[in-house]
Amino acid sequence: MLFARLKRIFKMDRLRLRGLSGATDEFTLATLGKH
């Protein structure tokens, strides 16, 4: 459910950073920005 909200609020249709590490970093930054 959190990911669905992030997709809608931050318009995260696709991840911009490559690789698992980049995806993890991008998701972490998005969740920090939410709080």
C-alpha atoms as a PDB file:
ATOM      1  CA  MET A   1       0.000   0.000   0.000  1.00  0.00           C
ATOM      2  CA  LEU A   2       2.871   2.374   0.734  1.00  0.00           C
ATOM      3  CA  PHE A   3       4.322   1.798  -2.720  1.00  0.00           C
ATOM      4  CA  ALA A   4       0.959   2.572  -4.337  1.00  0.00           C
ATOM      5  CA  ARG A   5       0.788   5.873  -2.464  1.00  0.00           C
ATOM      6  CA  LEU A   6       4.337   6.772  -3.445  1.00  0.00           C
ATOM      7  CA  LYS A   7       3.553   6.024  -7.073  1.00  0.00           C
ATOM      8  CA  ARG A   8       0.520   8.296  -6.971  1.00  0.00           C
ATOM      9  CA  ILE A   9       1.888  11.158  -4.835  1.00  0.00           C
ATOM     10  CA  PHE A  10       5.450  11.348  -6.187  1.00  0.00           C
ATOM     11  CA  LYS A  11       4.519  10.098  -9.685  1.00  0.00           C
ATOM     12  CA  MET A  12       7.003   7.227  -9.357  1.00  0.00           C
ATOM     13  CA  ASP A  13       5.873   5.370 -12.471  1.00  0.00           C
ATOM     14  CA  ARG A  14       9.315   3.856 -12.885  1.00  0.00           C
ATOM     15  CA  LEU A  15      12.565   3.945 -10.976  1.00  0.00           C
ATOM     16  CA  ARG A  16      15.184   6.275 -12.377  1.00  0.00           C
ATOM     17  CA  LEU A  17      18.290   4.736 -10.816  1.00  0.00           C
ATOM     18  CA  ARG A  18      19.640   1.457 -12.177  1.00  0.00           C
ATOM     19  CA  GLY A  19      20.230  -1.753 -10.279  1.00  0.00           C
ATOM     20  CA  LEU A  20      18.975  -3.071  -6.978  1.00  0.00           C
ATOM     21  CA  SER A  21      21.120  -0.631  -5.021  1.00  0.00           C
ATOM     22  CA  GLY A  22      19.786   2.335  -6.994  1.00  0.00           C
ATOM     23  CA  ALA A  23      16.194   1.182  -6.631  1.00  0.00           C
ATOM     24  CA  THR A  24      16.669   0.737  -2.888  1.00  0.00           C
ATOM     25  CA  ASP A  25      18.197   4.204  -2.568  1.00  0.00           C
ATOM     26  CA  GLU A  26      15.413   5.820  -4.580  1.00  0.00           C
ATOM     27  CA  PHE A  27      12.682   4.071  -2.586  1.00  0.00           C
ATOM     28  CA  THR A  28      14.400   5.061   0.688  1.00  0.00           C
ATOM     29  CA  LEU A  29      14.607   8.707  -0.364  1.00  0.00           C
ATOM     30  CA  ALA A  30      10.946   8.694  -1.365  1.00  0.00           C
ATOM     31  CA  THR A  31       9.861   7.242   1.973  1.00  0.00           C
ATOM     32  CA  LEU A  32      12.006   9.748   3.876  1.00  0.00           C
ATOM     33  CA  GLY A  33      10.444  12.558   1.856  1.00  0.00           C
ATOM     34  CA  LYS A  34       6.986  11.314   2.777  1.00  0.00           C
ATOM     35  CA  HIS A  35       7.644  11.546   6.526  1.00  0.00           C
END
